[in-house]
N, C-alpha and C. Protein backbone atom coordinates (compact mmCIF):
# COMPACT_ATOMS: atom_id res chain seq x y z
N MET A 1 186.63 122.27 113.95
CA MET A 1 187.18 122.49 112.63
C MET A 1 186.05 122.39 111.60
N ALA A 2 186.05 123.27 110.66
CA ALA A 2 185.03 123.29 109.61
C ALA A 2 185.26 122.15 108.64
N ILE A 3 184.15 121.58 108.13
CA ILE A 3 184.28 120.54 107.11
C ILE A 3 184.03 121.15 105.74
N LYS A 4 184.52 120.48 104.72
CA LYS A 4 184.33 120.96 103.34
C LYS A 4 182.95 120.53 102.87
N ILE A 5 182.19 121.49 102.37
CA ILE A 5 180.85 121.25 101.83
C ILE A 5 180.95 121.34 100.31
N ASP A 6 180.45 120.32 99.63
CA ASP A 6 180.47 120.36 98.17
C ASP A 6 179.05 120.57 97.64
N ASN A 7 178.92 120.56 96.31
CA ASN A 7 177.62 120.82 95.68
C ASN A 7 176.56 119.80 96.07
N LEU A 8 176.96 118.55 96.23
CA LEU A 8 176.01 117.52 96.63
C LEU A 8 175.51 117.76 98.07
N ASP A 9 176.43 118.12 98.96
CA ASP A 9 176.02 118.47 100.33
C ASP A 9 175.04 119.64 100.31
N ALA A 10 175.36 120.65 99.51
CA ALA A 10 174.49 121.84 99.43
C ALA A 10 173.12 121.46 98.90
N ALA A 11 173.07 120.60 97.88
CA ALA A 11 171.78 120.17 97.33
C ALA A 11 170.99 119.38 98.36
N LEU A 12 171.66 118.51 99.10
CA LEU A 12 171.00 117.74 100.15
C LEU A 12 170.47 118.65 101.25
N LEU A 13 171.26 119.62 101.65
CA LEU A 13 170.82 120.57 102.68
C LEU A 13 169.61 121.37 102.21
N LYS A 14 169.62 121.75 100.94
CA LYS A 14 168.49 122.50 100.38
C LYS A 14 167.22 121.66 100.42
N GLU A 15 167.32 120.40 100.04
CA GLU A 15 166.15 119.51 100.09
C GLU A 15 165.66 119.33 101.52
N LEU A 16 166.57 119.13 102.45
CA LEU A 16 166.18 118.94 103.86
C LEU A 16 165.58 120.20 104.45
N ALA A 17 166.08 121.36 104.05
CA ALA A 17 165.52 122.62 104.54
C ALA A 17 164.10 122.81 104.03
N ALA A 18 163.84 122.40 102.81
CA ALA A 18 162.50 122.54 102.23
C ALA A 18 161.51 121.60 102.91
N ASP A 19 161.96 120.38 103.24
CA ASP A 19 161.08 119.41 103.90
C ASP A 19 161.95 118.42 104.67
N PRO A 20 162.15 118.65 105.96
CA PRO A 20 163.01 117.78 106.76
C PRO A 20 162.49 116.34 106.87
N ARG A 21 161.23 116.13 106.54
CA ARG A 21 160.64 114.80 106.67
C ARG A 21 160.68 114.00 105.37
N THR A 22 161.38 114.50 104.37
CA THR A 22 161.48 113.78 103.10
C THR A 22 162.18 112.44 103.33
N PRO A 23 161.58 111.34 102.89
CA PRO A 23 162.23 110.03 103.05
C PRO A 23 163.54 109.95 102.27
N ILE A 24 164.44 109.12 102.77
CA ILE A 24 165.77 108.96 102.17
C ILE A 24 165.66 108.54 100.70
N LEU A 25 164.76 107.60 100.41
CA LEU A 25 164.63 107.15 99.02
C LEU A 25 164.19 108.28 98.10
N GLU A 26 163.30 109.14 98.60
CA GLU A 26 162.86 110.27 97.78
C GLU A 26 164.00 111.27 97.58
N LEU A 27 164.77 111.51 98.65
CA LEU A 27 165.94 112.40 98.51
C LEU A 27 166.90 111.86 97.47
N ALA A 28 167.15 110.55 97.53
CA ALA A 28 168.06 109.92 96.57
C ALA A 28 167.55 110.09 95.14
N ALA A 29 166.23 109.91 94.95
CA ALA A 29 165.66 110.05 93.61
C ALA A 29 165.76 111.50 93.13
N ARG A 30 165.43 112.45 94.00
CA ARG A 30 165.50 113.86 93.60
C ARG A 30 166.92 114.28 93.23
N LEU A 31 167.90 113.76 93.98
CA LEU A 31 169.29 114.16 93.75
C LEU A 31 169.99 113.29 92.72
N GLY A 32 169.35 112.20 92.32
CA GLY A 32 169.95 111.32 91.33
C GLY A 32 171.14 110.54 91.84
N ILE A 33 171.09 110.14 93.11
CA ILE A 33 172.20 109.40 93.72
C ILE A 33 171.64 108.19 94.47
N ALA A 34 172.51 107.32 94.92
CA ALA A 34 172.11 106.12 95.65
C ALA A 34 171.64 106.47 97.06
N ARG A 35 170.75 105.63 97.57
CA ARG A 35 170.23 105.80 98.93
C ARG A 35 171.39 105.78 99.94
N ASN A 36 172.35 104.87 99.74
CA ASN A 36 173.49 104.78 100.67
C ASN A 36 174.32 106.06 100.67
N THR A 37 174.40 106.71 99.52
CA THR A 37 175.14 107.97 99.44
C THR A 37 174.44 109.05 100.27
N VAL A 38 173.10 109.11 100.15
CA VAL A 38 172.34 110.07 100.95
C VAL A 38 172.55 109.80 102.43
N GLN A 39 172.44 108.54 102.83
CA GLN A 39 172.62 108.20 104.24
C GLN A 39 174.01 108.55 104.74
N ALA A 40 175.03 108.27 103.92
CA ALA A 40 176.41 108.57 104.32
C ALA A 40 176.62 110.08 104.44
N ARG A 41 176.09 110.83 103.50
CA ARG A 41 176.23 112.29 103.54
C ARG A 41 175.51 112.86 104.77
N MET A 42 174.29 112.37 105.02
CA MET A 42 173.54 112.87 106.18
C MET A 42 174.28 112.55 107.48
N LYS A 43 174.82 111.34 107.58
CA LYS A 43 175.56 110.96 108.79
C LYS A 43 176.79 111.86 108.97
N ARG A 44 177.51 112.13 107.86
CA ARG A 44 178.68 113.00 107.91
C ARG A 44 178.30 114.41 108.37
N LEU A 45 177.23 114.96 107.79
CA LEU A 45 176.79 116.31 108.15
C LEU A 45 176.31 116.37 109.60
N GLU A 46 175.64 115.34 110.06
CA GLU A 46 175.17 115.30 111.44
C GLU A 46 176.34 115.12 112.41
N SER A 47 177.29 114.24 112.08
CA SER A 47 178.45 114.00 112.95
C SER A 47 179.30 115.26 113.11
N ALA A 48 179.40 116.03 112.04
CA ALA A 48 180.18 117.28 112.08
C ALA A 48 179.37 118.43 112.67
N ARG A 49 178.13 118.16 113.05
CA ARG A 49 177.20 119.14 113.63
C ARG A 49 176.87 120.27 112.67
N VAL A 50 177.00 120.00 111.36
CA VAL A 50 176.51 120.95 110.36
C VAL A 50 174.99 120.95 110.43
N VAL A 51 174.42 119.75 110.52
CA VAL A 51 172.98 119.58 110.73
C VAL A 51 172.82 119.17 112.19
N ARG A 52 172.10 119.99 112.95
CA ARG A 52 171.96 119.73 114.38
C ARG A 52 170.58 119.25 114.77
N GLY A 53 169.72 119.02 113.80
CA GLY A 53 168.39 118.51 114.13
C GLY A 53 167.42 118.84 113.02
N TYR A 54 166.22 118.36 113.19
CA TYR A 54 165.18 118.55 112.18
C TYR A 54 163.91 119.07 112.85
N PRO A 55 163.99 120.18 113.57
CA PRO A 55 162.78 120.68 114.23
C PRO A 55 161.86 121.37 113.23
N PRO A 56 160.58 121.41 113.56
CA PRO A 56 159.67 122.14 112.68
C PRO A 56 159.91 123.64 112.81
N THR A 57 159.63 124.37 111.74
CA THR A 57 159.67 125.82 111.79
C THR A 57 158.31 126.29 112.27
N ILE A 58 158.28 127.00 113.37
CA ILE A 58 157.03 127.41 113.98
C ILE A 58 156.79 128.89 113.71
N ASP A 59 155.64 129.20 113.17
CA ASP A 59 155.25 130.60 112.95
C ASP A 59 154.65 131.11 114.25
N LEU A 60 155.43 131.88 114.98
CA LEU A 60 154.98 132.36 116.30
C LEU A 60 153.74 133.24 116.19
N GLN A 61 153.63 134.01 115.13
CA GLN A 61 152.46 134.87 114.96
C GLN A 61 151.19 134.02 114.84
N ALA A 62 151.31 132.86 114.20
CA ALA A 62 150.14 132.00 114.01
C ALA A 62 149.63 131.42 115.33
N ILE A 63 150.47 131.40 116.35
CA ILE A 63 150.03 130.89 117.65
C ILE A 63 149.88 132.01 118.68
N GLY A 64 149.79 133.24 118.19
CA GLY A 64 149.46 134.36 119.07
C GLY A 64 150.60 135.21 119.57
N PHE A 65 151.82 134.99 119.09
CA PHE A 65 152.96 135.79 119.53
C PHE A 65 153.38 136.72 118.41
N ALA A 66 152.61 137.81 118.25
CA ALA A 66 152.79 138.73 117.14
C ALA A 66 153.80 139.84 117.43
N VAL A 67 154.18 140.03 118.67
CA VAL A 67 155.12 141.10 119.04
C VAL A 67 156.51 140.48 119.16
N HIS A 68 157.42 140.97 118.33
CA HIS A 68 158.80 140.49 118.36
C HIS A 68 159.71 141.69 118.60
N ALA A 69 160.70 141.48 119.45
CA ALA A 69 161.60 142.58 119.79
C ALA A 69 163.00 142.05 120.00
N PHE A 70 163.94 142.97 119.88
CA PHE A 70 165.33 142.69 120.19
C PHE A 70 165.70 143.59 121.36
N LEU A 71 166.35 143.02 122.34
CA LEU A 71 166.71 143.75 123.54
C LEU A 71 168.23 143.74 123.65
N GLY A 72 168.84 144.92 123.55
CA GLY A 72 170.27 145.05 123.79
C GLY A 72 170.46 145.18 125.28
N VAL A 73 171.31 144.35 125.86
CA VAL A 73 171.49 144.33 127.32
C VAL A 73 172.94 144.66 127.66
N GLU A 74 173.10 145.71 128.46
CA GLU A 74 174.41 146.03 129.03
C GLU A 74 174.44 145.42 130.42
N LEU A 75 175.58 144.81 130.76
CA LEU A 75 175.63 144.10 132.03
C LEU A 75 177.00 144.20 132.69
N ASP A 76 177.04 143.79 133.95
CA ASP A 76 178.32 143.67 134.65
C ASP A 76 179.00 142.44 134.07
N GLN A 77 180.21 142.61 133.55
CA GLN A 77 180.89 141.53 132.84
C GLN A 77 181.07 140.27 133.70
N ASN A 78 181.30 140.46 134.96
CA ASN A 78 181.52 139.29 135.82
C ASN A 78 180.23 138.54 136.14
N LYS A 79 179.10 139.01 135.64
CA LYS A 79 177.80 138.37 135.89
C LYS A 79 177.22 137.71 134.64
N ILE A 80 177.96 137.68 133.55
CA ILE A 80 177.38 137.23 132.28
C ILE A 80 176.82 135.82 132.37
N ASP A 81 177.54 134.89 132.98
CA ASP A 81 177.06 133.51 133.05
C ASP A 81 175.76 133.42 133.85
N ASP A 82 175.69 134.14 134.97
CA ASP A 82 174.47 134.12 135.79
C ASP A 82 173.30 134.75 135.04
N ILE A 83 173.57 135.82 134.30
CA ILE A 83 172.51 136.50 133.55
C ILE A 83 172.00 135.61 132.42
N VAL A 84 172.91 134.96 131.70
CA VAL A 84 172.49 134.06 130.63
C VAL A 84 171.67 132.90 131.22
N ASP A 85 172.08 132.37 132.35
CA ASP A 85 171.30 131.30 133.00
C ASP A 85 169.91 131.80 133.37
N ALA A 86 169.82 133.02 133.88
CA ALA A 86 168.51 133.59 134.23
C ALA A 86 167.65 133.78 132.99
N LEU A 87 168.26 134.26 131.90
CA LEU A 87 167.51 134.47 130.65
C LEU A 87 167.00 133.16 130.07
N ARG A 88 167.77 132.10 130.25
CA ARG A 88 167.38 130.78 129.73
C ARG A 88 166.05 130.32 130.33
N ALA A 89 165.72 130.79 131.50
CA ALA A 89 164.48 130.39 132.18
C ALA A 89 163.24 131.10 131.64
N PHE A 90 163.42 132.13 130.81
CA PHE A 90 162.29 132.87 130.24
C PHE A 90 161.82 132.15 128.98
N PRO A 91 160.61 131.63 128.95
CA PRO A 91 160.14 130.96 127.73
C PRO A 91 159.98 131.91 126.54
N HIS A 92 159.81 133.20 126.81
CA HIS A 92 159.61 134.18 125.74
C HIS A 92 160.91 134.57 125.04
N ILE A 93 162.04 134.21 125.62
CA ILE A 93 163.32 134.56 125.03
C ILE A 93 163.69 133.48 124.03
N LEU A 94 163.77 133.87 122.76
CA LEU A 94 163.97 132.94 121.66
C LEU A 94 165.44 132.64 121.41
N GLU A 95 166.31 133.62 121.60
CA GLU A 95 167.74 133.42 121.42
C GLU A 95 168.49 134.56 122.08
N VAL A 96 169.74 134.29 122.41
CA VAL A 96 170.62 135.28 123.03
C VAL A 96 171.98 135.18 122.35
N HIS A 97 172.50 136.34 121.97
CA HIS A 97 173.82 136.41 121.34
C HIS A 97 174.72 137.31 122.18
N ALA A 98 175.95 136.87 122.44
CA ALA A 98 176.96 137.74 123.06
C ALA A 98 177.50 138.61 121.93
N THR A 99 177.57 139.91 122.15
CA THR A 99 177.92 140.84 121.08
C THR A 99 179.02 141.81 121.51
N THR A 100 179.54 142.52 120.52
CA THR A 100 180.45 143.62 120.79
C THR A 100 179.65 144.90 120.66
N GLY A 101 180.24 146.00 121.04
CA GLY A 101 179.54 147.28 120.96
C GLY A 101 178.96 147.66 122.31
N ARG A 102 178.00 148.56 122.29
CA ARG A 102 177.42 149.07 123.54
C ARG A 102 176.74 147.97 124.34
N SER A 103 175.99 147.11 123.65
CA SER A 103 175.30 146.02 124.34
C SER A 103 176.21 144.80 124.43
N ASP A 104 176.09 144.10 125.54
CA ASP A 104 176.86 142.88 125.73
C ASP A 104 176.11 141.66 125.22
N LEU A 105 174.78 141.74 125.27
CA LEU A 105 173.94 140.66 124.79
C LEU A 105 172.86 141.23 123.89
N LEU A 106 172.49 140.47 122.87
CA LEU A 106 171.35 140.79 122.03
C LEU A 106 170.35 139.67 122.24
N VAL A 107 169.18 140.02 122.74
CA VAL A 107 168.16 139.07 123.15
C VAL A 107 166.95 139.21 122.24
N ARG A 108 166.52 138.12 121.65
CA ARG A 108 165.33 138.12 120.80
C ARG A 108 164.15 137.61 121.62
N ILE A 109 163.06 138.38 121.59
CA ILE A 109 161.89 138.08 122.43
C ILE A 109 160.65 137.95 121.57
N GLY A 110 159.79 136.99 121.92
CA GLY A 110 158.48 136.86 121.31
C GLY A 110 157.43 137.06 122.40
N ALA A 111 156.46 137.94 122.15
CA ALA A 111 155.42 138.23 123.15
C ALA A 111 154.07 138.30 122.45
N GLN A 112 153.01 138.14 123.23
CA GLN A 112 151.67 138.21 122.66
C GLN A 112 151.22 139.65 122.47
N THR A 113 151.57 140.52 123.42
CA THR A 113 151.16 141.92 123.35
C THR A 113 152.32 142.80 123.77
N GLN A 114 152.18 144.09 123.51
CA GLN A 114 153.20 145.03 123.98
C GLN A 114 153.25 145.06 125.50
N GLN A 115 152.11 144.88 126.15
CA GLN A 115 152.08 144.84 127.61
C GLN A 115 152.87 143.63 128.13
N ASP A 116 152.73 142.49 127.46
CA ASP A 116 153.53 141.31 127.83
C ASP A 116 155.02 141.59 127.65
N LEU A 117 155.36 142.24 126.54
CA LEU A 117 156.75 142.59 126.28
C LEU A 117 157.30 143.47 127.39
N LEU A 118 156.53 144.46 127.79
CA LEU A 118 156.96 145.34 128.89
C LEU A 118 157.25 144.53 130.15
N GLY A 119 156.38 143.60 130.48
CA GLY A 119 156.60 142.76 131.66
C GLY A 119 157.87 141.93 131.56
N ILE A 120 158.14 141.40 130.39
CA ILE A 120 159.36 140.61 130.18
C ILE A 120 160.59 141.50 130.36
N ILE A 121 160.54 142.69 129.77
CA ILE A 121 161.67 143.63 129.90
C ILE A 121 161.89 144.01 131.36
N GLN A 122 160.82 144.24 132.09
CA GLN A 122 160.94 144.57 133.51
C GLN A 122 161.57 143.41 134.29
N ARG A 123 161.22 142.19 133.93
CA ARG A 123 161.81 141.02 134.60
C ARG A 123 163.29 140.90 134.25
N VAL A 124 163.66 141.23 133.01
CA VAL A 124 165.07 141.21 132.63
C VAL A 124 165.83 142.25 133.45
N HIS A 125 165.25 143.44 133.61
CA HIS A 125 165.90 144.50 134.40
C HIS A 125 166.11 144.07 135.85
N ALA A 126 165.28 143.19 136.35
CA ALA A 126 165.39 142.76 137.75
C ALA A 126 166.50 141.73 137.96
N ILE A 127 167.09 141.22 136.90
CA ILE A 127 168.17 140.24 137.05
C ILE A 127 169.41 140.97 137.58
N PRO A 128 169.98 140.48 138.67
CA PRO A 128 171.19 141.12 139.21
C PRO A 128 172.32 141.15 138.17
N GLY A 129 172.89 142.33 137.98
CA GLY A 129 173.98 142.51 137.04
C GLY A 129 173.56 143.16 135.73
N VAL A 130 172.25 143.24 135.46
CA VAL A 130 171.77 143.94 134.27
C VAL A 130 171.80 145.44 134.58
N ARG A 131 172.53 146.19 133.76
CA ARG A 131 172.67 147.63 133.98
C ARG A 131 171.66 148.45 133.19
N HIS A 132 171.51 148.11 131.91
CA HIS A 132 170.70 148.93 131.01
C HIS A 132 170.25 148.06 129.85
N THR A 133 169.07 148.39 129.32
CA THR A 133 168.61 147.70 128.11
C THR A 133 168.14 148.73 127.09
N GLU A 134 168.16 148.32 125.84
CA GLU A 134 167.60 149.12 124.76
C GLU A 134 166.71 148.18 123.94
N THR A 135 165.46 148.57 123.75
CA THR A 135 164.50 147.72 123.05
C THR A 135 164.29 148.22 121.64
N MET A 136 164.31 147.27 120.71
CA MET A 136 164.01 147.56 119.31
C MET A 136 162.88 146.63 118.89
N LEU A 137 161.73 147.20 118.51
CA LEU A 137 160.61 146.39 118.05
C LEU A 137 160.84 145.97 116.60
N ALA A 138 160.55 144.73 116.31
CA ALA A 138 160.62 144.24 114.93
C ALA A 138 159.27 144.51 114.30
N LEU A 139 159.24 145.34 113.28
CA LEU A 139 157.98 145.66 112.60
C LEU A 139 157.62 144.60 111.58
N ALA A 140 158.63 143.98 110.98
CA ALA A 140 158.42 142.92 110.00
C ALA A 140 159.73 142.14 109.91
N THR A 141 159.66 140.96 109.32
CA THR A 141 160.86 140.15 109.11
C THR A 141 160.93 139.81 107.62
N PRO A 142 161.47 140.73 106.82
CA PRO A 142 161.51 140.49 105.38
C PRO A 142 162.44 139.35 104.98
N ILE A 143 163.44 139.04 105.82
CA ILE A 143 164.31 137.90 105.58
C ILE A 143 164.39 137.10 106.88
N GLU A 144 163.82 135.91 106.87
CA GLU A 144 163.89 135.01 108.03
C GLU A 144 165.31 134.48 108.15
N TYR A 145 165.62 133.89 109.31
CA TYR A 145 166.92 133.24 109.48
C TYR A 145 167.12 132.25 108.34
N ARG A 146 168.29 132.29 107.75
CA ARG A 146 168.59 131.39 106.65
C ARG A 146 170.08 131.10 106.64
N SER A 147 170.43 129.95 106.12
CA SER A 147 171.84 129.61 105.99
C SER A 147 172.16 129.04 104.61
N LEU A 148 171.14 128.61 103.87
CA LEU A 148 171.39 128.01 102.55
C LEU A 148 172.09 128.94 101.56
N PRO A 149 171.76 130.24 101.48
CA PRO A 149 172.50 131.08 100.54
C PRO A 149 174.01 131.10 100.83
N LEU A 150 174.38 131.05 102.10
CA LEU A 150 175.79 131.03 102.45
C LEU A 150 176.43 129.69 102.07
N VAL A 151 175.70 128.60 102.29
CA VAL A 151 176.20 127.27 101.89
C VAL A 151 176.39 127.23 100.37
N GLU A 152 175.40 127.73 99.64
CA GLU A 152 175.49 127.74 98.17
C GLU A 152 176.65 128.62 97.70
N HIS A 153 176.85 129.76 98.34
CA HIS A 153 177.97 130.64 98.01
C HIS A 153 179.29 129.91 98.23
N LEU A 154 179.38 129.21 99.35
CA LEU A 154 180.59 128.48 99.68
C LEU A 154 180.90 127.41 98.65
N THR A 155 179.87 126.69 98.20
CA THR A 155 180.11 125.60 97.24
C THR A 155 180.35 126.13 95.84
N ASN A 156 179.80 127.30 95.50
CA ASN A 156 180.01 127.88 94.18
C ASN A 156 181.30 128.70 94.09
N ASN A 157 181.79 129.17 95.25
CA ASN A 157 183.00 130.00 95.30
C ASN A 157 183.90 129.51 96.43
N PRO A 158 184.47 128.32 96.32
CA PRO A 158 185.22 127.75 97.45
C PRO A 158 186.42 128.57 97.90
N ASP A 159 186.95 129.41 97.04
CA ASP A 159 188.11 130.22 97.42
C ASP A 159 187.74 131.49 98.16
N SER A 160 186.44 131.85 98.18
CA SER A 160 186.04 133.10 98.83
C SER A 160 185.30 132.86 100.13
N ALA A 161 185.57 131.74 100.78
CA ALA A 161 184.88 131.40 102.03
C ALA A 161 185.07 132.51 103.01
């Protein structure tokens, strides 16, 4: 069940997104609220799994993974669990989404070179139950993954969720 997010939650999430390592006392000072309020809000957001962790944002290009692609995968429906398990073993696979449309899965891949990408795609094709793939190279990422604009929209327009 979804929890209700208010303006204070949105402001706290914005601060945490900007710097997940900000101390609680500093968050309280920035938001103009008590330290206990920050702690209670953070605990509530974490318990509801709105906030699922504080990992660093890693620039893959900065560590040599400049080739990014999306792979649409058509598969035998009765093999989806086995295929997802096989994909989980690929370190180059950044995320997998079950989708509607022609592709059953949308797979995001990070590779060092186009040759590496080709090898990964060939390994995906070798998974039993994979029928067909379609590769789309990402030329740029003008908008990175984000969730704060949606949170802010929700808190500013609670009736239009």
